[in-house]
């Protein structure tokens, strides 16, 4: 069940699982994806598409990375 589409500090405190979806983006090397994934999950409030999915023990934070997110993440890595 999807609970929200914006940053929610209450649900953030209950996040027990994290997922990252890389839909329709250019091929990115796996090592670079790992680094970007870390950046995105450190700042989930900055991502364009954020969902909280209810799981038995809390919430799963699912980020669907957009082109805008990718540009933002790349700027932090420079």
PDB file of N, CA and C in Angstrom:
ATOM      1  N   UNK A   1       0.840  -1.177   0.000  1.00  0.00           N
ATOM      2  CA  UNK A   1       0.000   0.000   0.000  1.00  0.00           C
ATOM      3  C   UNK A   1       0.886   1.242   0.000  1.00  0.00           C
ATOM      4  N   UNK A   2       0.679   2.142  -0.937  1.00  0.00           N
ATOM      5  CA  UNK A   2       1.460   3.369  -1.034  1.00  0.00           C
ATOM      6  C   UNK A   2       0.846   4.408  -0.103  1.00  0.00           C
ATOM      7  N   UNK A   3       1.687   5.032   0.724  1.00  0.00           N
ATOM      8  CA  UNK A   3       1.172   5.914   1.763  1.00  0.00           C
ATOM      9  C   UNK A   3       1.329   7.406   1.468  1.00  0.00           C
ATOM     10  N   UNK A   4       2.334   7.801   0.733  1.00  0.00           N
ATOM     11  CA  UNK A   4       2.551   9.234   0.516  1.00  0.00           C
ATOM     12  C   UNK A   4       3.392   9.440  -0.721  1.00  0.00           C
ATOM     13  N   UNK A   5       3.386  10.642  -1.203  1.00  0.00           N
ATOM     14  CA  UNK A   5       4.183  10.963  -2.369  1.00  0.00           C
ATOM     15  C   UNK A   5       5.054  12.181  -2.084  1.00  0.00           C
ATOM     16  N   UNK A   6       5.258  12.474  -0.809  1.00  0.00           N
ATOM     17  CA  UNK A   6       6.116  13.575  -0.396  1.00  0.00           C
ATOM     18  C   UNK A   6       6.867  13.163   0.861  1.00  0.00           C
ATOM     19  N   UNK A   7       7.888  13.912   1.194  1.00  0.00           N
ATOM     20  CA  UNK A   7       8.700  13.601   2.372  1.00  0.00           C
ATOM     21  C   UNK A   7       7.842  13.676   3.623  1.00  0.00           C
ATOM     22  N   UNK A   8       7.980  12.683   4.490  1.00  0.00           N
ATOM     23  CA  UNK A   8       7.203  12.607   5.724  1.00  0.00           C
ATOM     24  C   UNK A   8       8.146  12.194   6.851  1.00  0.00           C
ATOM     25  N   UNK A   9       8.433  13.113   7.760  1.00  0.00           N
ATOM     26  CA  UNK A   9       9.401  12.840   8.823  1.00  0.00           C
ATOM     27  C   UNK A   9       8.934  11.717   9.757  1.00  0.00           C
ATOM     28  N   UNK A  10       7.643  11.590   9.964  1.00  0.00           N
ATOM     29  CA  UNK A  10       7.136  10.510  10.810  1.00  0.00           C
ATOM     30  C   UNK A  10       7.451   9.156  10.172  1.00  0.00           C
ATOM     31  N   UNK A  11       7.118   8.999   8.890  1.00  0.00           N
ATOM     32  CA  UNK A  11       7.375   7.734   8.215  1.00  0.00           C
ATOM     33  C   UNK A  11       8.872   7.491   8.038  1.00  0.00           C
ATOM     34  N   UNK A  12       9.638   8.554   7.856  1.00  0.00           N
ATOM     35  CA  UNK A  12      11.094   8.409   7.745  1.00  0.00           C
ATOM     36  C   UNK A  12      11.670   7.716   8.973  1.00  0.00           C
ATOM     37  N   UNK A  13      11.140   8.051  10.143  1.00  0.00           N
ATOM     38  CA  UNK A  13      11.630   7.441  11.380  1.00  0.00           C
ATOM     39  C   UNK A  13      11.318   5.948  11.428  1.00  0.00           C
ATOM     40  N   UNK A  14      10.381   5.493  10.601  1.00  0.00           N
ATOM     41  CA  UNK A  14       9.960   4.101  10.606  1.00  0.00           C
ATOM     42  C   UNK A  14      10.428   3.330   9.366  1.00  0.00           C
ATOM     43  N   UNK A  15      11.321   3.939   8.568  1.00  0.00           N
ATOM     44  CA  UNK A  15      11.826   3.267   7.370  1.00  0.00           C
ATOM     45  C   UNK A  15      12.754   2.126   7.779  1.00  0.00           C
ATOM     46  N   UNK A  16      12.431   0.919   7.302  1.00  0.00           N
ATOM     47  CA  UNK A  16      13.241  -0.265   7.600  1.00  0.00           C
ATOM     48  C   UNK A  16      13.797  -0.895   6.321  1.00  0.00           C
ATOM     49  N   UNK A  17      13.380  -0.373   5.180  1.00  0.00           N
ATOM     50  CA  UNK A  17      13.804  -0.930   3.893  1.00  0.00           C
ATOM     51  C   UNK A  17      13.889   0.215   2.885  1.00  0.00           C
ATOM     52  N   UNK A  18      14.831   0.114   1.956  1.00  0.00           N
ATOM     53  CA  UNK A  18      15.013   1.158   0.938  1.00  0.00           C
ATOM     54  C   UNK A  18      15.094   0.504  -0.435  1.00  0.00           C
ATOM     55  N   UNK A  19      14.420   1.105  -1.400  1.00  0.00           N
ATOM     56  CA  UNK A  19      14.485   0.641  -2.790  1.00  0.00           C
ATOM     57  C   UNK A  19      14.738   1.827  -3.688  1.00  0.00           C
ATOM     58  N   UNK A  20      15.460   1.567  -4.772  1.00  0.00           N
ATOM     59  CA  UNK A  20      15.729   2.604  -5.754  1.00  0.00           C
ATOM     60  C   UNK A  20      15.399   2.048  -7.124  1.00  0.00           C
ATOM     61  N   UNK A  21      14.545   2.748  -7.852  1.00  0.00           N
ATOM     62  CA  UNK A  21      14.182   2.354  -9.212  1.00  0.00           C
ATOM     63  C   UNK A  21      14.828   3.327 -10.194  1.00  0.00           C
ATOM     64  N   UNK A  22      15.468   2.788 -11.210  1.00  0.00           N
ATOM     65  CA  UNK A  22      16.186   3.593 -12.211  1.00  0.00           C
ATOM     66  C   UNK A  22      15.463   3.497 -13.553  1.00  0.00           C
ATOM     67  N   UNK A  23      14.255   3.995 -13.629  1.00  0.00           N
ATOM     68  CA  UNK A  23      13.438   3.863 -14.833  1.00  0.00           C
ATOM     69  C   UNK A  23      13.862   4.828 -15.936  1.00  0.00           C
ATOM     70  N   UNK A  24      13.964   4.301 -17.140  1.00  0.00           N
ATOM     71  CA  UNK A  24      14.157   5.108 -18.348  1.00  0.00           C
ATOM     72  C   UNK A  24      15.333   6.081 -18.271  1.00  0.00           C
ATOM     73  N   UNK A  25      16.417   5.662 -17.659  1.00  0.00           N
ATOM     74  CA  UNK A  25      17.609   6.499 -17.580  1.00  0.00           C
ATOM     75  C   UNK A  25      18.723   5.852 -18.392  1.00  0.00           C
ATOM     76  N   UNK A  26      19.696   6.653 -18.835  1.00  0.00           N
ATOM     77  CA  UNK A  26      20.807   6.073 -19.593  1.00  0.00           C
ATOM     78  C   UNK A  26      21.570   5.060 -18.747  1.00  0.00           C
ATOM     79  N   UNK A  27      22.292   4.189 -19.405  1.00  0.00           N
ATOM     80  CA  UNK A  27      23.091   3.197 -18.683  1.00  0.00           C
ATOM     81  C   UNK A  27      24.096   3.897 -17.784  1.00  0.00           C
ATOM     82  N   UNK A  28      24.094   3.486 -16.535  1.00  0.00           N
ATOM     83  CA  UNK A  28      25.003   4.052 -15.538  1.00  0.00           C
ATOM     84  C   UNK A  28      25.773   2.872 -14.958  1.00  0.00           C
ATOM     85  N   UNK A  29      27.101   2.976 -14.890  1.00  0.00           N
ATOM     86  CA  UNK A  29      27.889   1.872 -14.320  1.00  0.00           C
ATOM     87  C   UNK A  29      27.426   1.539 -12.895  1.00  0.00           C
ATOM     88  N   UNK A  30      27.465   0.263 -12.540  1.00  0.00           N
ATOM     89  CA  UNK A  30      26.979  -0.201 -11.240  1.00  0.00           C
ATOM     90  C   UNK A  30      27.637   0.512 -10.060  1.00  0.00           C
ATOM     91  N   UNK A  31      28.933   0.726 -10.134  1.00  0.00           N
ATOM     92  CA  UNK A  31      29.634   1.397  -9.020  1.00  0.00           C
ATOM     93  C   UNK A  31      29.132   2.830  -8.844  1.00  0.00           C
ATOM     94  N   UNK A  32      28.866   3.500  -9.955  1.00  0.00           N
ATOM     95  CA  UNK A  32      28.358   4.871  -9.896  1.00  0.00           C
ATOM     96  C   UNK A  32      26.914   4.879  -9.373  1.00  0.00           C
ATOM     97  N   UNK A  33      26.129   3.880  -9.753  1.00  0.00           N
ATOM     98  CA  UNK A  33      24.758   3.758  -9.244  1.00  0.00           C
ATOM     99  C   UNK A  33      24.756   3.590  -7.735  1.00  0.00           C
ATOM    100  N   UNK A  34      25.683   2.791  -7.220  1.00  0.00           N
ATOM    101  CA  UNK A  34      25.763   2.588  -5.767  1.00  0.00           C
ATOM    102  C   UNK A  34      26.042   3.907  -5.055  1.00  0.00           C
ATOM    103  N   UNK A  35      26.957   4.684  -5.604  1.00  0.00           N
ATOM    104  CA  UNK A  35      27.303   5.968  -5.012  1.00  0.00           C
ATOM    105  C   UNK A  35      26.114   6.927  -5.064  1.00  0.00           C
ATOM    106  N   UNK A  36      25.465   7.010  -6.218  1.00  0.00           N
ATOM    107  CA  UNK A  36      24.301   7.886  -6.361  1.00  0.00           C
ATOM    108  C   UNK A  36      23.147   7.429  -5.466  1.00  0.00           C
ATOM    109  N   UNK A  37      22.932   6.130  -5.370  1.00  0.00           N
ATOM    110  CA  UNK A  37      21.876   5.600  -4.514  1.00  0.00           C
ATOM    111  C   UNK A  37      22.081   6.052  -3.079  1.00  0.00           C
ATOM    112  N   UNK A  38      23.310   5.997  -2.620  1.00  0.00           N
ATOM    113  CA  UNK A  38      23.631   6.447  -1.268  1.00  0.00           C
ATOM    114  C   UNK A  38      23.280   7.930  -1.095  1.00  0.00           C
ATOM    115  N   UNK A  39      23.642   8.738  -2.076  1.00  0.00           N
ATOM    116  CA  UNK A  39      23.351  10.185  -2.018  1.00  0.00           C
ATOM    117  C   UNK A  39      21.841  10.411  -1.975  1.00  0.00           C
ATOM    118  N   UNK A  40      21.094   9.740  -2.845  1.00  0.00           N
ATOM    119  CA  UNK A  40      19.646   9.938  -2.907  1.00  0.00           C
ATOM    120  C   UNK A  40      18.966   9.529  -1.605  1.00  0.00           C
ATOM    121  N   UNK A  41      19.393   8.444  -1.008  1.00  0.00           N
ATOM    122  CA  UNK A  41      18.752   7.988   0.228  1.00  0.00           C
ATOM    123  C   UNK A  41      19.207   8.798   1.440  1.00  0.00           C
ATOM    124  N   UNK A  42      20.314   9.517   1.329  1.00  0.00           N
ATOM    125  CA  UNK A  42      20.706  10.439   2.400  1.00  0.00           C
ATOM    126  C   UNK A  42      19.856  11.706   2.364  1.00  0.00           C
ATOM    127  N   UNK A  43      19.300  12.027   1.191  1.00  0.00           N
ATOM    128  CA  UNK A  43      18.494  13.233   1.005  1.00  0.00           C
ATOM    129  C   UNK A  43      17.197  12.901   0.271  1.00  0.00           C
ATOM    130  N   UNK A  44      16.355  12.034   0.825  1.00  0.00           N
ATOM    131  CA  UNK A  44      15.148  11.627   0.100  1.00  0.00           C
ATOM    132  C   UNK A  44      14.184  12.776  -0.175  1.00  0.00           C
ATOM    133  N   UNK A  45      14.235  13.810   0.652  1.00  0.00           N
ATOM    134  CA  UNK A  45      13.343  14.960   0.461  1.00  0.00           C
ATOM    135  C   UNK A  45      13.614  15.705  -0.834  1.00  0.00           C
ATOM    136  N   UNK A  46      14.791  15.513  -1.411  1.00  0.00           N
ATOM    137  CA  UNK A  46      15.173  16.197  -2.651  1.00  0.00           C
ATOM    138  C   UNK A  46      14.706  15.447  -3.904  1.00  0.00           C
ATOM    139  N   UNK A  47      14.309  14.194  -3.760  1.00  0.00           N
ATOM    140  CA  UNK A  47      13.937  13.379  -4.920  1.00  0.00           C
ATOM    141  C   UNK A  47      12.544  13.732  -5.423  1.00  0.00           C
ATOM    142  N   UNK A  48      12.384  13.679  -6.728  1.00  0.00           N
ATOM    143  CA  UNK A  48      11.126  14.040  -7.371  1.00  0.00           C
ATOM    144  C   UNK A  48      10.006  13.050  -7.086  1.00  0.00           C
ATOM    145  N   UNK A  49      10.333  11.774  -6.990  1.00  0.00           N
ATOM    146  CA  UNK A  49       9.292  10.754  -6.801  1.00  0.00           C
ATOM    147  C   UNK A  49       9.663   9.853  -5.622  1.00  0.00           C
ATOM    148  N   UNK A  50       8.975  10.060  -4.525  1.00  0.00           N
ATOM    149  CA  UNK A  50       9.228   9.354  -3.275  1.00  0.00           C
ATOM    150  C   UNK A  50       7.934   8.675  -2.842  1.00  0.00           C
ATOM    151  N   UNK A  51       8.023   7.407  -2.483  1.00  0.00           N
ATOM    152  CA  UNK A  51       6.855   6.679  -1.997  1.00  0.00           C
ATOM    153  C   UNK A  51       7.216   5.957  -0.702  1.00  0.00           C
ATOM    154  N   UNK A  52       6.268   5.893   0.198  1.00  0.00           N
ATOM    155  CA  UNK A  52       6.407   5.093   1.414  1.00  0.00           C
ATOM    156  C   UNK A  52       5.449   3.923   1.275  1.00  0.00           C
ATOM    157  N   UNK A  53       5.974   2.727   1.310  1.00  0.00           N
ATOM    158  CA  UNK A  53       5.182   1.523   1.159  1.00  0.00           C
ATOM    159  C   UNK A  53       5.151   0.803   2.505  1.00  0.00           C
ATOM    160  N   UNK A  54       3.967   0.519   2.980  1.00  0.00           N
ATOM    161  CA  UNK A  54       3.812  -0.132   4.285  1.00  0.00           C
ATOM    162  C   UNK A  54       4.299  -1.572   4.195  1.00  0.00           C
ATOM    163  N   UNK A  55       5.165  -1.961   5.119  1.00  0.00           N
ATOM    164  CA  UNK A  55       5.629  -3.342   5.271  1.00  0.00           C
ATOM    165  C   UNK A  55       5.318  -3.752   6.712  1.00  0.00           C
ATOM    166  N   UNK A  56       5.369  -5.038   7.028  1.00  0.00           N
ATOM    167  CA  UNK A  56       4.959  -5.486   8.374  1.00  0.00           C
ATOM    168  C   UNK A  56       5.676  -4.794   9.536  1.00  0.00           C
ATOM    169  N   UNK A  57       6.911  -4.399   9.346  1.00  0.00           N
ATOM    170  CA  UNK A  57       7.672  -3.837  10.466  1.00  0.00           C
ATOM    171  C   UNK A  57       7.881  -2.323  10.378  1.00  0.00           C
ATOM    172  N   UNK A  58       7.291  -1.661   9.413  1.00  0.00           N
ATOM    173  CA  UNK A  58       7.472  -0.216   9.255  1.00  0.00           C
ATOM    174  C   UNK A  58       7.136   0.212   7.838  1.00  0.00           C
ATOM    175  N   UNK A  59       8.076   0.939   7.214  1.00  0.00           N
ATOM    176  CA  UNK A  59       7.871   1.425   5.854  1.00  0.00           C
ATOM    177  C   UNK A  59       9.093   1.140   4.988  1.00  0.00           C
ATOM    178  N   UNK A  60       8.837   0.963   3.710  1.00  0.00           N
ATOM    179  CA  UNK A  60       9.894   0.897   2.701  1.00  0.00           C
ATOM    180  C   UNK A  60       9.877   2.237   1.979  1.00  0.00           C
ATOM    181  N   UNK A  61      11.037   2.888   1.924  1.00  0.00           N
ATOM    182  CA  UNK A  61      11.156   4.127   1.158  1.00  0.00           C
ATOM    183  C   UNK A  61      11.569   3.740  -0.261  1.00  0.00           C
ATOM    184  N   UNK A  62      10.739   4.068  -1.225  1.00  0.00           N
ATOM    185  CA  UNK A  62      11.047   3.760  -2.618  1.00  0.00           C
ATOM    186  C   UNK A  62      11.234   5.053  -3.391  1.00  0.00           C
ATOM    187  N   UNK A  63      12.405   5.196  -3.984  1.00  0.00           N
ATOM    188  CA  UNK A  63      12.714   6.354  -4.812  1.00  0.00           C
ATOM    189  C   UNK A  63      12.744   5.914  -6.271  1.00  0.00           C
ATOM    190  N   UNK A  64      12.020   6.615  -7.109  1.00  0.00           N
ATOM    191  CA  UNK A  64      12.100   6.403  -8.553  1.00  0.00           C
ATOM    192  C   UNK A  64      12.899   7.573  -9.097  1.00  0.00           C
ATOM    193  N   UNK A  65      14.098   7.290  -9.547  1.00  0.00           N
ATOM    194  CA  UNK A  65      15.036   8.339  -9.947  1.00  0.00           C
ATOM    195  C   UNK A  65      14.646   8.907 -11.309  1.00  0.00           C
ATOM    196  N   UNK A  66      14.589  10.231 -11.368  1.00  0.00           N
ATOM    197  CA  UNK A  66      14.266  10.937 -12.610  1.00  0.00           C
ATOM    198  C   UNK A  66      15.540  11.581 -13.165  1.00  0.00           C
ATOM    199  N   UNK A  67      15.426  12.115 -14.350  1.00  0.00           N
ATOM    200  CA  UNK A  67      16.562  12.827 -14.953  1.00  0.00           C
ATOM    201  C   UNK A  67      16.983  13.999 -14.076  1.00  0.00           C
ATOM    202  N   UNK A  68      16.013  14.716 -13.511  1.00  0.00           N
ATOM    203  CA  UNK A  68      16.319  15.854 -12.633  1.00  0.00           C
ATOM    204  C   UNK A  68      17.081  15.396 -11.391  1.00  0.00           C
ATOM    205  N   UNK A  69      16.651  14.264 -10.824  1.00  0.00           N
ATOM    206  CA  UNK A  69      17.354  13.712  -9.657  1.00  0.00           C
ATOM    207  C   UNK A  69      18.793  13.365 -10.022  1.00  0.00           C
ATOM    208  N   UNK A  70      18.945  12.773 -11.190  1.00  0.00           N
ATOM    209  CA  UNK A  70      20.285  12.377 -11.643  1.00  0.00           C
ATOM    210  C   UNK A  70      21.200  13.585 -11.779  1.00  0.00           C
ATOM    211  N   UNK A  71      20.693  14.660 -12.349  1.00  0.00           N
ATOM    212  CA  UNK A  71      21.486  15.889 -12.485  1.00  0.00           C
ATOM    213  C   UNK A  71      21.857  16.456 -11.113  1.00  0.00           C
ATOM    214  N   UNK A  72      20.896  16.443 -10.192  1.00  0.00           N
ATOM    215  CA  UNK A  72      21.154  16.933  -8.841  1.00  0.00           C
ATOM    216  C   UNK A  72      22.204  16.073  -8.144  1.00  0.00           C
ATOM    217  N   UNK A  73      22.069  14.767  -8.239  1.00  0.00           N
ATOM    218  CA  UNK A  73      23.022  13.852  -7.609  1.00  0.00           C
ATOM    219  C   UNK A  73      24.414  14.000  -8.178  1.00  0.00           C
ATOM    220  N   UNK A  74      24.493  14.128  -9.493  1.00  0.00           N
ATOM    221  CA  UNK A  74      25.790  14.307 -10.153  1.00  0.00           C
ATOM    222  C   UNK A  74      26.457  15.607  -9.685  1.00  0.00           C
ATOM    223  N   UNK A  75      25.675  16.655  -9.472  1.00  0.00           N
ATOM    224  CA  UNK A  75      26.254  17.937  -9.037  1.00  0.00           C
ATOM    225  C   UNK A  75      26.861  17.824  -7.642  1.00  0.00           C
ATOM    226  N   UNK A  76      26.289  16.972  -6.803  1.00  0.00           N
ATOM    227  CA  UNK A  76      26.844  16.777  -5.452  1.00  0.00           C
ATOM    228  C   UNK A  76      28.160  15.992  -5.481  1.00  0.00           C
ATOM    229  N   UNK A  77      28.323  15.155  -6.477  1.00  0.00           N
ATOM    230  CA  UNK A  77      29.506  14.311  -6.551  1.00  0.00           C
ATOM    231  C   UNK A  77      30.719  15.029  -7.154  1.00  0.00           C
ATOM    232  N   UNK A  78      30.490  16.191  -7.728  1.00  0.00           N
ATOM    233  CA  UNK A  78      31.612  16.936  -8.347  1.00  0.00           C
ATOM    234  C   UNK A  78      32.468  17.604  -7.320  1.00  0.00           C
TER     235      UNK A  78
END
